[in-house]
N, C-alpha and C. Protein backbone atom coordinates (compact mmCIF):
# COMPACT_ATOMS: atom_id res chain seq x y z
N MET A 1 11.29 -56.19 26.74
CA MET A 1 10.93 -54.82 26.49
C MET A 1 9.56 -54.75 25.79
N ALA A 2 9.30 -55.67 24.89
CA ALA A 2 8.04 -55.66 24.18
C ALA A 2 6.85 -55.85 25.13
N LYS A 3 7.01 -56.73 26.10
CA LYS A 3 5.94 -56.96 27.08
C LYS A 3 5.66 -55.69 27.89
N TYR A 4 6.73 -54.98 28.29
CA TYR A 4 6.56 -53.72 29.01
C TYR A 4 5.78 -52.70 28.17
N ILE A 5 6.16 -52.58 26.89
CA ILE A 5 5.48 -51.63 26.00
C ILE A 5 4.03 -52.03 25.83
N GLU A 6 3.76 -53.31 25.64
CA GLU A 6 2.39 -53.79 25.50
C GLU A 6 1.58 -53.49 26.74
N ASP A 7 2.16 -53.70 27.93
CA ASP A 7 1.47 -53.39 29.19
C ASP A 7 1.18 -51.90 29.30
N GLN A 8 2.13 -51.06 28.90
CA GLN A 8 1.93 -49.62 28.96
C GLN A 8 0.81 -49.18 28.01
N ILE A 9 0.77 -49.76 26.83
CA ILE A 9 -0.28 -49.43 25.87
C ILE A 9 -1.65 -49.84 26.43
N ALA A 10 -1.72 -51.01 27.05
CA ALA A 10 -2.98 -51.47 27.65
C ALA A 10 -3.42 -50.55 28.80
N GLU A 11 -2.47 -50.13 29.62
CA GLU A 11 -2.81 -49.24 30.73
C GLU A 11 -3.27 -47.88 30.21
N GLN A 12 -2.62 -47.38 29.18
CA GLN A 12 -3.01 -46.08 28.61
C GLN A 12 -4.39 -46.18 27.95
N LYS A 13 -4.69 -47.35 27.40
CA LYS A 13 -6.02 -47.53 26.79
C LYS A 13 -7.10 -47.40 27.86
N LEU A 14 -6.82 -47.87 29.07
CA LEU A 14 -7.78 -47.72 30.16
C LEU A 14 -8.03 -46.24 30.48
N LEU A 15 -7.06 -45.38 30.17
CA LEU A 15 -7.20 -43.95 30.37
C LEU A 15 -7.78 -43.24 29.14
N HIS A 16 -8.18 -44.04 28.16
CA HIS A 16 -8.74 -43.54 26.89
C HIS A 16 -7.68 -42.81 26.06
N MET A 17 -6.46 -43.27 26.18
CA MET A 17 -5.36 -42.76 25.34
C MET A 17 -4.97 -43.89 24.41
N THR A 18 -4.99 -43.61 23.13
CA THR A 18 -4.67 -44.66 22.16
C THR A 18 -3.33 -44.37 21.51
N LEU A 19 -2.43 -45.29 21.66
CA LEU A 19 -1.14 -45.21 21.01
C LEU A 19 -1.11 -46.27 19.92
N ASP A 20 -0.91 -45.86 18.70
CA ASP A 20 -0.89 -46.77 17.55
C ASP A 20 0.40 -47.57 17.56
N LYS A 21 0.29 -48.87 17.75
CA LYS A 21 1.48 -49.73 17.80
C LYS A 21 2.27 -49.69 16.49
N ASP A 22 1.56 -49.58 15.36
CA ASP A 22 2.24 -49.54 14.07
C ASP A 22 3.12 -48.31 13.94
N ILE A 23 2.61 -47.16 14.42
CA ILE A 23 3.40 -45.93 14.36
C ILE A 23 4.58 -46.03 15.30
N LEU A 24 4.35 -46.58 16.49
CA LEU A 24 5.45 -46.77 17.45
C LEU A 24 6.53 -47.66 16.85
N LEU A 25 6.14 -48.79 16.28
CA LEU A 25 7.12 -49.70 15.69
C LEU A 25 7.85 -49.06 14.50
N ALA A 26 7.12 -48.30 13.69
CA ALA A 26 7.75 -47.61 12.56
C ALA A 26 8.80 -46.63 13.05
N GLY A 27 8.48 -45.89 14.12
CA GLY A 27 9.45 -44.96 14.70
C GLY A 27 10.69 -45.67 15.22
N MET A 28 10.48 -46.82 15.86
CA MET A 28 11.62 -47.58 16.36
C MET A 28 12.47 -48.09 15.21
N MET A 29 11.83 -48.57 14.15
CA MET A 29 12.59 -49.05 12.98
C MET A 29 13.36 -47.91 12.34
N ASP A 30 12.73 -46.73 12.25
CA ASP A 30 13.44 -45.57 11.69
C ASP A 30 14.68 -45.28 12.52
N ALA A 31 14.53 -45.31 13.85
CA ALA A 31 15.68 -45.02 14.72
C ALA A 31 16.79 -46.06 14.52
N PHE A 32 16.43 -47.33 14.46
CA PHE A 32 17.43 -48.37 14.25
C PHE A 32 18.13 -48.24 12.90
N ASN A 33 17.42 -47.73 11.92
CA ASN A 33 17.98 -47.54 10.57
C ASN A 33 18.57 -46.14 10.36
N HIS A 34 18.72 -45.37 11.45
CA HIS A 34 19.28 -44.03 11.41
C HIS A 34 18.53 -43.13 10.44
N GLN A 35 17.19 -43.24 10.46
CA GLN A 35 16.33 -42.42 9.60
C GLN A 35 15.26 -41.72 10.44
N GLN A 36 15.68 -41.17 11.59
CA GLN A 36 14.72 -40.53 12.48
C GLN A 36 14.00 -39.40 11.76
N LYS A 37 12.71 -39.28 12.08
CA LYS A 37 11.90 -38.22 11.49
C LYS A 37 11.63 -37.09 12.50
N MET A 38 12.08 -37.32 13.75
CA MET A 38 11.93 -36.30 14.78
C MET A 38 13.30 -36.05 15.41
N SER A 39 13.55 -34.81 15.76
CA SER A 39 14.81 -34.50 16.45
C SER A 39 14.71 -34.99 17.89
N ASP A 40 15.85 -35.04 18.58
CA ASP A 40 15.85 -35.43 19.98
C ASP A 40 15.00 -34.50 20.81
N ASN A 41 15.04 -33.22 20.52
CA ASN A 41 14.22 -32.24 21.25
C ASN A 41 12.73 -32.48 21.01
N GLU A 42 12.36 -32.80 19.77
CA GLU A 42 10.96 -33.08 19.47
C GLU A 42 10.48 -34.32 20.20
N VAL A 43 11.32 -35.34 20.26
CA VAL A 43 10.96 -36.56 20.98
C VAL A 43 10.79 -36.25 22.46
N ARG A 44 11.73 -35.52 23.05
CA ARG A 44 11.64 -35.15 24.47
C ARG A 44 10.38 -34.34 24.75
N ASP A 45 10.10 -33.36 23.89
CA ASP A 45 8.90 -32.53 24.09
C ASP A 45 7.62 -33.37 23.97
N THR A 46 7.59 -34.25 22.99
CA THR A 46 6.42 -35.09 22.80
C THR A 46 6.20 -36.01 24.00
N LEU A 47 7.28 -36.63 24.49
CA LEU A 47 7.17 -37.52 25.64
C LEU A 47 6.78 -36.75 26.89
N SER A 48 7.26 -35.54 27.03
CA SER A 48 6.93 -34.70 28.18
C SER A 48 5.43 -34.39 28.19
N VAL A 49 4.90 -34.01 27.04
CA VAL A 49 3.46 -33.73 26.93
C VAL A 49 2.65 -34.99 27.19
N PHE A 50 3.10 -36.10 26.65
CA PHE A 50 2.40 -37.39 26.84
C PHE A 50 2.41 -37.76 28.32
N ASP A 51 3.56 -37.64 28.99
CA ASP A 51 3.65 -37.95 30.42
C ASP A 51 2.69 -37.07 31.23
N GLU A 52 2.61 -35.80 30.88
CA GLU A 52 1.71 -34.88 31.60
C GLU A 52 0.26 -35.30 31.40
N GLN A 53 -0.09 -35.72 30.18
CA GLN A 53 -1.47 -36.17 29.91
C GLN A 53 -1.78 -37.42 30.77
N VAL A 54 -0.85 -38.33 30.83
CA VAL A 54 -1.04 -39.55 31.64
C VAL A 54 -1.26 -39.18 33.10
N LYS A 55 -0.44 -38.26 33.61
CA LYS A 55 -0.59 -37.84 35.02
C LYS A 55 -1.96 -37.21 35.27
N VAL A 56 -2.40 -36.32 34.38
CA VAL A 56 -3.67 -35.65 34.56
C VAL A 56 -4.82 -36.66 34.49
N LEU A 57 -4.79 -37.54 33.51
CA LEU A 57 -5.87 -38.53 33.38
C LEU A 57 -5.87 -39.54 34.50
N THR A 58 -4.69 -39.95 34.97
CA THR A 58 -4.62 -40.88 36.10
C THR A 58 -5.16 -40.23 37.36
N ALA A 59 -4.81 -38.98 37.61
CA ALA A 59 -5.32 -38.28 38.78
C ALA A 59 -6.84 -38.15 38.69
N ALA A 60 -7.36 -37.81 37.53
CA ALA A 60 -8.81 -37.67 37.36
C ALA A 60 -9.51 -39.02 37.58
N GLU A 61 -8.92 -40.08 37.04
CA GLU A 61 -9.50 -41.42 37.22
C GLU A 61 -9.50 -41.81 38.69
N ASN A 62 -8.40 -41.55 39.38
CA ASN A 62 -8.32 -41.91 40.79
C ASN A 62 -9.31 -41.11 41.64
N ARG A 63 -9.52 -39.83 41.31
CA ARG A 63 -10.51 -39.02 42.03
C ARG A 63 -11.92 -39.57 41.78
N ALA A 64 -12.20 -39.92 40.52
CA ALA A 64 -13.52 -40.45 40.19
C ALA A 64 -13.77 -41.78 40.91
N LEU A 65 -12.77 -42.64 40.90
CA LEU A 65 -12.92 -43.92 41.61
C LEU A 65 -13.11 -43.70 43.12
N ALA A 66 -12.34 -42.81 43.68
CA ALA A 66 -12.45 -42.53 45.10
C ALA A 66 -13.83 -41.98 45.44
N ASN A 67 -14.33 -41.05 44.63
CA ASN A 67 -15.66 -40.49 44.86
C ASN A 67 -16.74 -41.55 44.74
N HIS A 68 -16.61 -42.42 43.74
CA HIS A 68 -17.61 -43.44 43.52
C HIS A 68 -17.63 -44.46 44.67
N PHE A 69 -16.50 -44.97 45.02
CA PHE A 69 -16.45 -46.04 46.00
C PHE A 69 -16.59 -45.54 47.44
N ASN A 70 -16.34 -44.29 47.70
CA ASN A 70 -16.48 -43.76 49.04
C ASN A 70 -17.81 -43.06 49.27
N SER A 71 -18.66 -43.01 48.24
CA SER A 71 -19.93 -42.27 48.35
C SER A 71 -21.10 -43.12 48.81
N GLY A 72 -20.99 -44.42 48.75
CA GLY A 72 -22.13 -45.25 49.10
C GLY A 72 -21.75 -46.31 50.08
N PHE A 73 -22.15 -47.50 49.75
CA PHE A 73 -21.87 -48.66 50.62
C PHE A 73 -20.43 -49.12 50.49
N TYR A 74 -19.77 -48.62 49.46
CA TYR A 74 -18.40 -49.06 49.19
C TYR A 74 -17.38 -48.22 49.96
N ASN A 75 -16.37 -48.83 50.39
CA ASN A 75 -15.21 -48.12 50.95
C ASN A 75 -13.98 -48.90 50.53
N VAL A 76 -13.57 -48.68 49.28
CA VAL A 76 -12.52 -49.47 48.65
C VAL A 76 -11.39 -48.55 48.20
N ASN A 77 -10.19 -49.03 48.32
CA ASN A 77 -9.03 -48.28 47.85
C ASN A 77 -9.10 -48.22 46.31
N PRO A 78 -9.17 -47.01 45.73
CA PRO A 78 -9.28 -46.90 44.27
C PRO A 78 -8.07 -47.45 43.53
N PHE A 79 -6.89 -47.43 44.17
CA PHE A 79 -5.71 -47.97 43.51
C PHE A 79 -5.81 -49.49 43.38
N ALA A 80 -6.42 -50.14 44.38
CA ALA A 80 -6.62 -51.58 44.31
C ALA A 80 -7.61 -51.94 43.20
N VAL A 81 -8.66 -51.13 43.06
CA VAL A 81 -9.63 -51.38 41.99
C VAL A 81 -9.00 -51.20 40.64
N ARG A 82 -8.22 -50.15 40.45
CA ARG A 82 -7.55 -49.90 39.20
C ARG A 82 -6.59 -51.04 38.87
N ALA A 83 -5.83 -51.49 39.83
CA ALA A 83 -4.90 -52.60 39.63
C ALA A 83 -5.66 -53.86 39.22
N PHE A 84 -6.81 -54.09 39.86
CA PHE A 84 -7.62 -55.26 39.51
C PHE A 84 -8.03 -55.20 38.04
N PHE A 85 -8.52 -54.04 37.60
CA PHE A 85 -8.96 -53.91 36.20
C PHE A 85 -7.79 -54.06 35.24
N ILE A 86 -6.65 -53.51 35.57
CA ILE A 86 -5.49 -53.64 34.71
C ILE A 86 -5.07 -55.10 34.60
N ASP A 87 -5.09 -55.80 35.71
CA ASP A 87 -4.67 -57.23 35.71
C ASP A 87 -5.68 -58.13 35.03
N ASN A 88 -6.98 -57.78 35.07
CA ASN A 88 -8.01 -58.71 34.61
C ASN A 88 -8.74 -58.29 33.35
N CYS A 89 -8.45 -57.15 32.80
CA CYS A 89 -9.20 -56.68 31.64
C CYS A 89 -8.35 -56.53 30.39
N ASN A 90 -7.21 -57.13 30.36
CA ASN A 90 -6.34 -57.05 29.18
C ASN A 90 -6.72 -58.09 28.17
C-alpha cells in the first residue's frame, strides 16, 4: 500500500499538486488511534474535490502535450510521453 501511495504522490507532483506525506501519515495514525479530526462526510468531500482537481489537471496536461507534439515534427501519443516521464523521473 505504501508503494501505491508513494507512486500517487509522485504522479500528482507531476501535475504540480503537492500532498504533504507527513500530514497524510498523521491523518492515518489519527484514524488508527480512533482520533479522527475530520468526519466521514468531510473526508468524502475533500477526496471528491481532490479527484476533480486531478481530472482537470490531467486533461489540461494531456491537451498541452497533444498540442505540443502534434504541432511540429513530432507526432507522438501524449499518454506514452506522460507514462515515460512518470516511469523515468521519480
